[in-house]
């Protein structure tokens, strides 16, 4: 793989991971159209590095929230053991989930369970679909429909304190389904959050932070398959590019949600989906 190809795929991953246009769908289409990495097992390693790059951009964009979530998680663990010791000694216990951030932590954990289950169940289907042009095209049309709905979603008011654990389950399911190439993870989860009544800013924040355990878990599970693969300099370049572009895309997405401009991305996904479907009958 050349440096230019790595940069292009890095830009594509960074934009499509956070803008509601599906990174996996675009990468699949791009690789199938231009035969990038054909016959190269190392493309599997490159995909993992691209996702790690976008993961870095989430940590940078939401570092204050993430640090707060980490400290609250440690506090919850401390209180849990303190309660256990308190019960043994017959003393008082503390309420563990007593702040909005602690509830946020628990909701993200709950969301990760259905995401992991669905992701594992769809693993083979996802790989098979990614090797074609027609399936990402069909799924992109489905993403376009979701974004059309999001553009008309009513204003919500749920925040970390008022959101429910059922909401977290529903969001986890939507994220799991978004492992299919062409189904936008951000578009699907943000649309679902808005339909559940989330505040716009909280919907974006929850969507992106919720992806952290999902991406980390997927990378841990798949890194063993990449064992022994050559790490080319171009892969590092692609990862860095995806991180930088991803950060810009996150900031852009915050503006998009606030101004409700999903229709633009809905039209784009419709066009991209139709082009991919048409290409499946032309490109061999």
C-alpha atoms as a PDB file:
ATOM      1  CA  UNK A   1       0.000   0.000   0.000  1.00  0.00           C
ATOM      2  CA  UNK A   2       1.288   3.458  -0.905  1.00  0.00           C
ATOM      3  CA  UNK A   3       1.368   6.458   1.435  1.00  0.00           C
ATOM      4  CA  UNK A   4      -1.216   8.213  -0.756  1.00  0.00           C
ATOM      5  CA  UNK A   5      -3.637   5.284  -0.511  1.00  0.00           C
ATOM      6  CA  UNK A   6      -3.163   5.179   3.269  1.00  0.00           C
ATOM      7  CA  UNK A   7      -3.839   8.923   3.544  1.00  0.00           C
ATOM      8  CA  UNK A   8      -6.986   8.659   1.402  1.00  0.00           C
ATOM      9  CA  UNK A   9      -8.337   5.759   3.460  1.00  0.00           C
ATOM     10  CA  UNK A  10      -7.395   7.587   6.669  1.00  0.00           C
ATOM     11  CA  UNK A  11      -9.358  10.650   5.553  1.00  0.00           C
ATOM     12  CA  UNK A  12     -12.264   8.442   4.546  1.00  0.00           C
ATOM     13  CA  UNK A  13     -12.262   6.631   7.926  1.00  0.00           C
ATOM     14  CA  UNK A  14     -11.980   9.855   9.919  1.00  0.00           C
ATOM     15  CA  UNK A  15     -14.854  11.514   8.086  1.00  0.00           C
ATOM     16  CA  UNK A  16     -17.171   8.546   7.731  1.00  0.00           C
ATOM     17  CA  UNK A  17     -16.728   7.246  11.293  1.00  0.00           C
ATOM     18  CA  UNK A  18     -18.288  10.345  12.822  1.00  0.00           C
ATOM     19  CA  UNK A  19     -20.255  11.944  10.025  1.00  0.00           C
ATOM     20  CA  UNK A  20     -23.410   9.836   9.484  1.00  0.00           C
ATOM     21  CA  UNK A  21     -22.278   8.205   6.244  1.00  0.00           C
ATOM     22  CA  UNK A  22     -20.777   4.872   7.457  1.00  0.00           C
ATOM     23  CA  UNK A  23     -17.012   4.389   7.550  1.00  0.00           C
ATOM     24  CA  UNK A  24     -17.210   0.609   7.094  1.00  0.00           C
ATOM     25  CA  UNK A  25     -19.497   0.997   4.085  1.00  0.00           C
ATOM     26  CA  UNK A  26     -17.265   3.547   2.391  1.00  0.00           C
ATOM     27  CA  UNK A  27     -14.093   1.577   3.102  1.00  0.00           C
ATOM     28  CA  UNK A  28     -15.704  -1.554   1.664  1.00  0.00           C
ATOM     29  CA  UNK A  29     -16.858   0.320  -1.440  1.00  0.00           C
ATOM     30  CA  UNK A  30     -13.497   2.049  -1.883  1.00  0.00           C
ATOM     31  CA  UNK A  31     -11.538  -1.190  -1.532  1.00  0.00           C
ATOM     32  CA  UNK A  32     -13.855  -3.123  -3.854  1.00  0.00           C
ATOM     33  CA  UNK A  33     -13.921  -0.425  -6.533  1.00  0.00           C
ATOM     34  CA  UNK A  34     -10.179   0.213  -6.625  1.00  0.00           C
ATOM     35  CA  UNK A  35      -9.030  -3.245  -5.465  1.00  0.00           C
ATOM     36  CA  UNK A  36      -6.859  -1.730  -2.716  1.00  0.00           C
ATOM     37  CA  UNK A  37      -5.282  -4.448  -0.609  1.00  0.00           C
ATOM     38  CA  UNK A  38      -6.532  -7.200  -2.883  1.00  0.00           C
ATOM     39  CA  UNK A  39      -4.707 -10.345  -1.910  1.00  0.00           C
ATOM     40  CA  UNK A  40      -3.178  -8.597   1.119  1.00  0.00           C
ATOM     41  CA  UNK A  41      -4.044 -10.073   4.506  1.00  0.00           C
ATOM     42  CA  UNK A  42      -2.418  -7.017   6.109  1.00  0.00           C
ATOM     43  CA  UNK A  43      -5.451  -4.883   5.135  1.00  0.00           C
ATOM     44  CA  UNK A  44      -7.075  -6.455   8.172  1.00  0.00           C
ATOM     45  CA  UNK A  45      -4.379  -4.923  10.381  1.00  0.00           C
ATOM     46  CA  UNK A  46      -4.739  -1.584   8.611  1.00  0.00           C
ATOM     47  CA  UNK A  47      -8.491  -1.481   9.330  1.00  0.00           C
ATOM     48  CA  UNK A  48      -7.784  -2.039  13.030  1.00  0.00           C
ATOM     49  CA  UNK A  49      -5.266   0.819  13.077  1.00  0.00           C
ATOM     50  CA  UNK A  50      -7.699   3.148  11.328  1.00  0.00           C
ATOM     51  CA  UNK A  51     -10.310   2.463  14.009  1.00  0.00           C
ATOM     52  CA  UNK A  52      -7.746   3.033  16.747  1.00  0.00           C
ATOM     53  CA  UNK A  53      -6.966   6.380  15.119  1.00  0.00           C
ATOM     54  CA  UNK A  54     -10.582   7.498  15.326  1.00  0.00           C
ATOM     55  CA  UNK A  55     -10.709   6.213  18.899  1.00  0.00           C
ATOM     56  CA  UNK A  56      -7.913   8.642  19.761  1.00  0.00           C
ATOM     57  CA  UNK A  57      -9.950  11.505  18.298  1.00  0.00           C
ATOM     58  CA  UNK A  58     -12.862  10.660  20.642  1.00  0.00           C
ATOM     59  CA  UNK A  59     -10.553  10.790  23.667  1.00  0.00           C
ATOM     60  CA  UNK A  60      -9.210  14.173  22.555  1.00  0.00           C
ATOM     61  CA  UNK A  61     -12.625  15.678  21.763  1.00  0.00           C
ATOM     62  CA  UNK A  62     -14.303  14.492  24.983  1.00  0.00           C
ATOM     63  CA  UNK A  63     -11.305  14.247  27.314  1.00  0.00           C
ATOM     64  CA  UNK A  64     -13.035  16.143  30.142  1.00  0.00           C
ATOM     65  CA  UNK A  65     -16.107  13.895  30.062  1.00  0.00           C
ATOM     66  CA  UNK A  66     -14.038  10.740  29.682  1.00  0.00           C
ATOM     67  CA  UNK A  67     -11.775  11.670  32.595  1.00  0.00           C
ATOM     68  CA  UNK A  68     -14.847  12.371  34.717  1.00  0.00           C
ATOM     69  CA  UNK A  69     -16.328   9.005  33.737  1.00  0.00           C
ATOM     70  CA  UNK A  70     -13.073   7.238  34.644  1.00  0.00           C
ATOM     71  CA  UNK A  71     -12.893   8.917  38.061  1.00  0.00           C
ATOM     72  CA  UNK A  72     -16.567   8.173  38.746  1.00  0.00           C
ATOM     73  CA  UNK A  73     -16.023   4.534  37.746  1.00  0.00           C
ATOM     74  CA  UNK A  74     -13.192   4.296  40.256  1.00  0.00           C
ATOM     75  CA  UNK A  75     -15.446   5.941  42.838  1.00  0.00           C
ATOM     76  CA  UNK A  76     -18.213   3.421  42.149  1.00  0.00           C
ATOM     77  CA  UNK A  77     -15.809   0.515  42.594  1.00  0.00           C
ATOM     78  CA  UNK A  78     -14.527   2.033  45.836  1.00  0.00           C
ATOM     79  CA  UNK A  79     -18.082   2.531  47.147  1.00  0.00           C
ATOM     80  CA  UNK A  80     -19.020  -1.011  46.125  1.00  0.00           C
ATOM     81  CA  UNK A  81     -16.232  -2.561  48.193  1.00  0.00           C
ATOM     82  CA  UNK A  82     -16.959  -0.078  50.953  1.00  0.00           C
ATOM     83  CA  UNK A  83     -20.586  -1.214  51.025  1.00  0.00           C
ATOM     84  CA  UNK A  84     -19.526  -4.852  51.148  1.00  0.00           C
ATOM     85  CA  UNK A  85     -17.226  -4.107  54.093  1.00  0.00           C
ATOM     86  CA  UNK A  86     -19.980  -2.042  55.699  1.00  0.00           C
ATOM     87  CA  UNK A  87     -22.497  -4.862  55.523  1.00  0.00           C
ATOM     88  CA  UNK A  88     -20.000  -7.307  57.003  1.00  0.00           C
ATOM     89  CA  UNK A  89     -19.379  -4.954  59.893  1.00  0.00           C
ATOM     90  CA  UNK A  90     -23.043  -4.020  60.204  1.00  0.00           C
ATOM     91  CA  UNK A  91     -22.417  -0.377  59.325  1.00  0.00           C
ATOM     92  CA  UNK A  92     -23.997   2.072  56.871  1.00  0.00           C
ATOM     93  CA  UNK A  93     -23.852   1.778  53.077  1.00  0.00           C
ATOM     94  CA  UNK A  94     -23.751   4.419  50.349  1.00  0.00           C
ATOM     95  CA  UNK A  95     -25.861   4.737  47.216  1.00  0.00           C
ATOM     96  CA  UNK A  96     -23.468   3.856  44.406  1.00  0.00           C
ATOM     97  CA  UNK A  97     -25.197   5.458  41.414  1.00  0.00           C
ATOM     98  CA  UNK A  98     -25.874   8.885  42.873  1.00  0.00           C
ATOM     99  CA  UNK A  99     -24.717  11.317  40.154  1.00  0.00           C
ATOM    100  CA  UNK A 100     -25.445  11.884  36.483  1.00  0.00           C
ATOM    101  CA  UNK A 101     -21.956  10.802  35.460  1.00  0.00           C
ATOM    102  CA  UNK A 102     -22.190   7.577  37.459  1.00  0.00           C
ATOM    103  CA  UNK A 103     -25.463   6.790  35.735  1.00  0.00           C
ATOM    104  CA  UNK A 104     -23.763   7.649  32.423  1.00  0.00           C
ATOM    105  CA  UNK A 105     -21.063   5.056  33.216  1.00  0.00           C
ATOM    106  CA  UNK A 106     -23.623   2.376  33.999  1.00  0.00           C
ATOM    107  CA  UNK A 107     -25.656   3.154  30.872  1.00  0.00           C
ATOM    108  CA  UNK A 108     -22.578   2.851  28.629  1.00  0.00           C
ATOM    109  CA  UNK A 109     -21.767  -0.509  30.233  1.00  0.00           C
ATOM    110  CA  UNK A 110     -25.346  -1.708  29.685  1.00  0.00           C
ATOM    111  CA  UNK A 111     -25.275  -0.514  26.055  1.00  0.00           C
ATOM    112  CA  UNK A 112     -22.061  -2.452  25.443  1.00  0.00           C
ATOM    113  CA  UNK A 113     -23.696  -5.811  26.233  1.00  0.00           C
ATOM    114  CA  UNK A 114     -26.213  -5.987  23.328  1.00  0.00           C
ATOM    115  CA  UNK A 115     -23.627  -4.341  21.065  1.00  0.00           C
ATOM    116  CA  UNK A 116     -21.121  -7.116  21.795  1.00  0.00           C
ATOM    117  CA  UNK A 117     -23.683  -9.913  21.402  1.00  0.00           C
ATOM    118  CA  UNK A 118     -25.032  -8.606  18.098  1.00  0.00           C
ATOM    119  CA  UNK A 119     -21.531  -7.803  16.828  1.00  0.00           C
ATOM    120  CA  UNK A 120     -20.382 -11.373  17.456  1.00  0.00           C
ATOM    121  CA  UNK A 121     -23.509 -12.862  15.875  1.00  0.00           C
ATOM    122  CA  UNK A 122     -23.136 -10.669  12.779  1.00  0.00           C
ATOM    123  CA  UNK A 123     -19.364 -11.060  12.440  1.00  0.00           C
ATOM    124  CA  UNK A 124     -19.403 -13.516   9.525  1.00  0.00           C
ATOM    125  CA  UNK A 125     -22.267 -11.706   7.790  1.00  0.00           C
ATOM    126  CA  UNK A 126     -20.413  -8.405   8.120  1.00  0.00           C
ATOM    127  CA  UNK A 127     -17.235  -9.827   6.584  1.00  0.00           C
ATOM    128  CA  UNK A 128     -19.167 -11.380   3.704  1.00  0.00           C
ATOM    129  CA  UNK A 129     -21.116  -8.165   3.063  1.00  0.00           C
ATOM    130  CA  UNK A 130     -17.914  -6.091   3.112  1.00  0.00           C
ATOM    131  CA  UNK A 131     -16.488  -8.123   0.239  1.00  0.00           C
ATOM    132  CA  UNK A 132     -19.295  -6.953  -2.059  1.00  0.00           C
ATOM    133  CA  UNK A 133     -20.509  -3.644  -3.456  1.00  0.00           C
ATOM    134  CA  UNK A 134     -24.221  -4.310  -3.465  1.00  0.00           C
ATOM    135  CA  UNK A 135     -24.669  -4.930   0.281  1.00  0.00           C
ATOM    136  CA  UNK A 136     -22.953  -1.714   1.460  1.00  0.00           C
ATOM    137  CA  UNK A 137     -25.048   0.073  -1.165  1.00  0.00           C
ATOM    138  CA  UNK A 138     -28.299  -1.342   0.200  1.00  0.00           C
ATOM    139  CA  UNK A 139     -27.291  -0.544   3.780  1.00  0.00           C
ATOM    140  CA  UNK A 140     -26.374   3.023   2.784  1.00  0.00           C
ATOM    141  CA  UNK A 141     -29.921   3.470   1.494  1.00  0.00           C
ATOM    142  CA  UNK A 142     -31.153   2.291   4.882  1.00  0.00           C
ATOM    143  CA  UNK A 143     -28.879   4.871   6.554  1.00  0.00           C
ATOM    144  CA  UNK A 144     -30.353   7.551   4.281  1.00  0.00           C
ATOM    145  CA  UNK A 145     -33.831   6.624   5.498  1.00  0.00           C
ATOM    146  CA  UNK A 146     -32.707   6.832   9.145  1.00  0.00           C
ATOM    147  CA  UNK A 147     -31.200  10.277   8.605  1.00  0.00           C
ATOM    148  CA  UNK A 148     -34.409  11.444   6.930  1.00  0.00           C
ATOM    149  CA  UNK A 149     -36.228  10.391  10.106  1.00  0.00           C
ATOM    150  CA  UNK A 150     -33.617  12.112  12.313  1.00  0.00           C
ATOM    151  CA  UNK A 151     -34.129  15.359  10.438  1.00  0.00           C
ATOM    152  CA  UNK A 152     -37.748  15.290  11.601  1.00  0.00           C
ATOM    153  CA  UNK A 153     -37.226  13.945  15.113  1.00  0.00           C
ATOM    154  CA  UNK A 154     -38.893  16.067  17.827  1.00  0.00           C
ATOM    155  CA  UNK A 155     -36.845  18.031  20.327  1.00  0.00           C
ATOM    156  CA  UNK A 156     -35.872  15.928  23.362  1.00  0.00           C
ATOM    157  CA  UNK A 157     -34.931  16.840  26.912  1.00  0.00           C
ATOM    158  CA  UNK A 158     -33.348  13.720  28.419  1.00  0.00           C
ATOM    159  CA  UNK A 159     -29.954  14.171  30.067  1.00  0.00           C
ATOM    160  CA  UNK A 160     -27.710  11.776  32.060  1.00  0.00           C
ATOM    161  CA  UNK A 161     -29.998  12.059  35.077  1.00  0.00           C
ATOM    162  CA  UNK A 162     -33.337  11.552  33.301  1.00  0.00           C
ATOM    163  CA  UNK A 163     -32.365   8.995  30.624  1.00  0.00           C
ATOM    164  CA  UNK A 164     -33.441   5.434  31.397  1.00  0.00           C
ATOM    165  CA  UNK A 165     -31.599   2.136  31.380  1.00  0.00           C
ATOM    166  CA  UNK A 166     -34.044   0.910  28.736  1.00  0.00           C
ATOM    167  CA  UNK A 167     -32.738   3.718  26.538  1.00  0.00           C
ATOM    168  CA  UNK A 168     -29.229   2.346  26.967  1.00  0.00           C
ATOM    169  CA  UNK A 169     -30.350  -1.143  25.888  1.00  0.00           C
ATOM    170  CA  UNK A 170     -32.066   0.239  22.785  1.00  0.00           C
ATOM    171  CA  UNK A 171     -28.988   2.288  21.905  1.00  0.00           C
ATOM    172  CA  UNK A 172     -26.762  -0.756  22.402  1.00  0.00           C
ATOM    173  CA  UNK A 173     -28.895  -2.768  19.988  1.00  0.00           C
ATOM    174  CA  UNK A 174     -28.750   0.014  17.381  1.00  0.00           C
ATOM    175  CA  UNK A 175     -24.966   0.195  17.698  1.00  0.00           C
ATOM    176  CA  UNK A 176     -24.688  -3.575  17.286  1.00  0.00           C
ATOM    177  CA  UNK A 177     -26.683  -3.493  14.048  1.00  0.00           C
ATOM    178  CA  UNK A 178     -24.436  -0.691  12.800  1.00  0.00           C
ATOM    179  CA  UNK A 179     -21.538  -3.141  12.442  1.00  0.00           C
ATOM    180  CA  UNK A 180     -23.001  -3.968   9.025  1.00  0.00           C
ATOM    181  CA  UNK A 181     -21.111  -2.094   6.263  1.00  0.00           C
ATOM    182  CA  UNK A 182     -23.180   0.870   5.108  1.00  0.00           C
ATOM    183  CA  UNK A 183     -25.172   1.250   8.320  1.00  0.00           C
ATOM    184  CA  UNK A 184     -23.749   4.406   9.874  1.00  0.00           C
ATOM    185  CA  UNK A 185     -22.889   3.873  13.530  1.00  0.00           C
ATOM    186  CA  UNK A 186     -23.107   7.546  14.425  1.00  0.00           C
ATOM    187  CA  UNK A 187     -26.178   8.114  12.273  1.00  0.00           C
ATOM    188  CA  UNK A 188     -27.992   5.102  13.707  1.00  0.00           C
ATOM    189  CA  UNK A 189     -27.153   5.718  17.364  1.00  0.00           C
ATOM    190  CA  UNK A 190     -27.733   9.484  17.262  1.00  0.00           C
ATOM    191  CA  UNK A 191     -31.056   9.009  15.456  1.00  0.00           C
ATOM    192  CA  UNK A 192     -32.056   6.381  18.040  1.00  0.00           C
ATOM    193  CA  UNK A 193     -31.028   8.689  20.890  1.00  0.00           C
ATOM    194  CA  UNK A 194     -33.063  11.554  19.447  1.00  0.00           C
ATOM    195  CA  UNK A 195     -36.101   9.291  19.028  1.00  0.00           C
ATOM    196  CA  UNK A 196     -35.639   8.222  22.666  1.00  0.00           C
ATOM    197  CA  UNK A 197     -35.903  11.888  23.606  1.00  0.00           C
ATOM    198  CA  UNK A 198     -32.266  12.736  24.337  1.00  0.00           C
ATOM    199  CA  UNK A 199     -30.993  16.307  24.293  1.00  0.00           C
ATOM    200  CA  UNK A 200     -29.112  16.958  21.059  1.00  0.00           C
ATOM    201  CA  UNK A 201     -25.712  17.505  22.695  1.00  0.00           C
ATOM    202  CA  UNK A 202     -26.154  14.501  24.977  1.00  0.00           C
ATOM    203  CA  UNK A 203     -27.199  12.338  22.011  1.00  0.00           C
ATOM    204  CA  UNK A 204     -23.902  13.065  20.224  1.00  0.00           C
ATOM    205  CA  UNK A 205     -21.810  12.692  23.369  1.00  0.00           C
ATOM    206  CA  UNK A 206     -23.462   9.379  24.305  1.00  0.00           C
ATOM    207  CA  UNK A 207     -23.123   8.042  20.767  1.00  0.00           C
ATOM    208  CA  UNK A 208     -19.395   8.708  20.519  1.00  0.00           C
ATOM    209  CA  UNK A 209     -18.420   7.729  24.078  1.00  0.00           C
ATOM    210  CA  UNK A 210     -20.536   4.576  23.802  1.00  0.00           C
ATOM    211  CA  UNK A 211     -18.386   3.536  20.845  1.00  0.00           C
ATOM    212  CA  UNK A 212     -15.196   3.412  22.951  1.00  0.00           C
ATOM    213  CA  UNK A 213     -15.758  -0.011  24.610  1.00  0.00           C
ATOM    214  CA  UNK A 214     -17.193  -1.365  21.341  1.00  0.00           C
ATOM    215  CA  UNK A 215     -14.155  -0.348  19.280  1.00  0.00           C
ATOM    216  CA  UNK A 216     -11.692  -1.430  21.970  1.00  0.00           C
ATOM    217  CA  UNK A 217     -13.442  -4.771  22.364  1.00  0.00           C
ATOM    218  CA  UNK A 218     -13.480  -5.394  18.619  1.00  0.00           C
ATOM    219  CA  UNK A 219      -9.788  -4.514  18.318  1.00  0.00           C
ATOM    220  CA  UNK A 220      -8.836  -6.823  21.203  1.00  0.00           C
ATOM    221  CA  UNK A 221     -10.802  -9.701  19.679  1.00  0.00           C
ATOM    222  CA  UNK A 222      -9.421  -9.138  16.190  1.00  0.00           C
ATOM    223  CA  UNK A 223      -5.820  -8.256  16.999  1.00  0.00           C
ATOM    224  CA  UNK A 224      -5.025 -11.951  17.459  1.00  0.00           C
ATOM    225  CA  UNK A 225      -6.014 -12.518  13.822  1.00  0.00           C
ATOM    226  CA  UNK A 226      -3.504  -9.832  12.824  1.00  0.00           C
ATOM    227  CA  UNK A 227      -0.635 -11.521  14.670  1.00  0.00           C
ATOM    228  CA  UNK A 228       2.456 -11.808  12.480  1.00  0.00           C
ATOM    229  CA  UNK A 229       1.201  -9.297   9.881  1.00  0.00           C
ATOM    230  CA  UNK A 230       3.747  -6.765   8.663  1.00  0.00           C
ATOM    231  CA  UNK A 231       3.300  -3.229  10.006  1.00  0.00           C
ATOM    232  CA  UNK A 232       4.034  -0.868   7.125  1.00  0.00           C
ATOM    233  CA  UNK A 233       4.883   2.841   7.643  1.00  0.00           C
ATOM    234  CA  UNK A 234       1.886   3.714   5.465  1.00  0.00           C
ATOM    235  CA  UNK A 235      -0.423   2.125   8.058  1.00  0.00           C
ATOM    236  CA  UNK A 236       0.861   4.462  10.796  1.00  0.00           C
ATOM    237  CA  UNK A 237       0.339   7.434   8.495  1.00  0.00           C
ATOM    238  CA  UNK A 238      -3.230   6.327   7.794  1.00  0.00           C
ATOM    239  CA  UNK A 239      -3.927   5.949  11.518  1.00  0.00           C
ATOM    240  CA  UNK A 240      -2.641   9.463  12.291  1.00  0.00           C
ATOM    241  CA  UNK A 241      -4.668  10.957   9.448  1.00  0.00           C
ATOM    242  CA  UNK A 242      -7.831   9.191  10.625  1.00  0.00           C
ATOM    243  CA  UNK A 243      -7.300  10.607  14.135  1.00  0.00           C
ATOM    244  CA  UNK A 244      -6.857  14.210  12.945  1.00  0.00           C
ATOM    245  CA  UNK A 245      -9.707  14.114  10.454  1.00  0.00           C
ATOM    246  CA  UNK A 246     -11.892  12.289  12.988  1.00  0.00           C
ATOM    247  CA  UNK A 247     -11.470  15.106  15.512  1.00  0.00           C
ATOM    248  CA  UNK A 248     -12.617  17.661  12.926  1.00  0.00           C
ATOM    249  CA  UNK A 249     -15.575  15.435  12.010  1.00  0.00           C
ATOM    250  CA  UNK A 250     -16.674  15.180  15.667  1.00  0.00           C
ATOM    251  CA  UNK A 251     -16.726  18.965  16.018  1.00  0.00           C
ATOM    252  CA  UNK A 252     -18.650  19.186  12.752  1.00  0.00           C
ATOM    253  CA  UNK A 253     -21.173  16.630  13.949  1.00  0.00           C
ATOM    254  CA  UNK A 254     -21.926  18.673  17.064  1.00  0.00           C
ATOM    255  CA  UNK A 255     -22.928  21.563  14.807  1.00  0.00           C
ATOM    256  CA  UNK A 256     -24.929  19.313  12.473  1.00  0.00           C
ATOM    257  CA  UNK A 257     -27.026  17.900  15.311  1.00  0.00           C
ATOM    258  CA  UNK A 258     -27.656  21.323  16.788  1.00  0.00           C
ATOM    259  CA  UNK A 259     -28.818  22.736  13.445  1.00  0.00           C
ATOM    260  CA  UNK A 260     -30.581  19.549  12.233  1.00  0.00           C
ATOM    261  CA  UNK A 261     -28.920  19.303   8.823  1.00  0.00           C
ATOM    262  CA  UNK A 262     -29.267  15.530   8.411  1.00  0.00           C
ATOM    263  CA  UNK A 263     -31.086  15.833   5.106  1.00  0.00           C
ATOM    264  CA  UNK A 264     -27.804  16.713   3.367  1.00  0.00           C
ATOM    265  CA  UNK A 265     -26.234  13.459   4.548  1.00  0.00           C
ATOM    266  CA  UNK A 266     -29.430  11.556   3.753  1.00  0.00           C
ATOM    267  CA  UNK A 267     -29.211  12.692   0.137  1.00  0.00           C
ATOM    268  CA  UNK A 268     -25.503  11.858   0.018  1.00  0.00           C
ATOM    269  CA  UNK A 269     -26.034   8.334   1.389  1.00  0.00           C
ATOM    270  CA  UNK A 270     -28.831   7.768  -1.121  1.00  0.00           C
ATOM    271  CA  UNK A 271     -26.558   8.735  -4.008  1.00  0.00           C
ATOM    272  CA  UNK A 272     -23.580   6.733  -2.652  1.00  0.00           C
ATOM    273  CA  UNK A 273     -25.813   3.703  -2.101  1.00  0.00           C
ATOM    274  CA  UNK A 274     -27.238   3.817  -5.620  1.00  0.00           C
ATOM    275  CA  UNK A 275     -23.752   4.248  -7.112  1.00  0.00           C
ATOM    276  CA  UNK A 276     -22.478   1.227  -5.156  1.00  0.00           C
ATOM    277  CA  UNK A 277     -25.420  -0.916  -6.235  1.00  0.00           C
ATOM    278  CA  UNK A 278     -24.934   0.126  -9.857  1.00  0.00           C
ATOM    279  CA  UNK A 279     -21.209  -0.524  -9.540  1.00  0.00           C
ATOM    280  CA  UNK A 280     -21.847  -4.052  -8.326  1.00  0.00           C
ATOM    281  CA  UNK A 281     -23.250  -4.888 -11.760  1.00  0.00           C
ATOM    282  CA  UNK A 282     -20.340  -3.255 -13.586  1.00  0.00           C
ATOM    283  CA  UNK A 283     -17.183  -3.873 -11.534  1.00  0.00           C
ATOM    284  CA  UNK A 284     -16.005  -7.460 -11.317  1.00  0.00           C
END
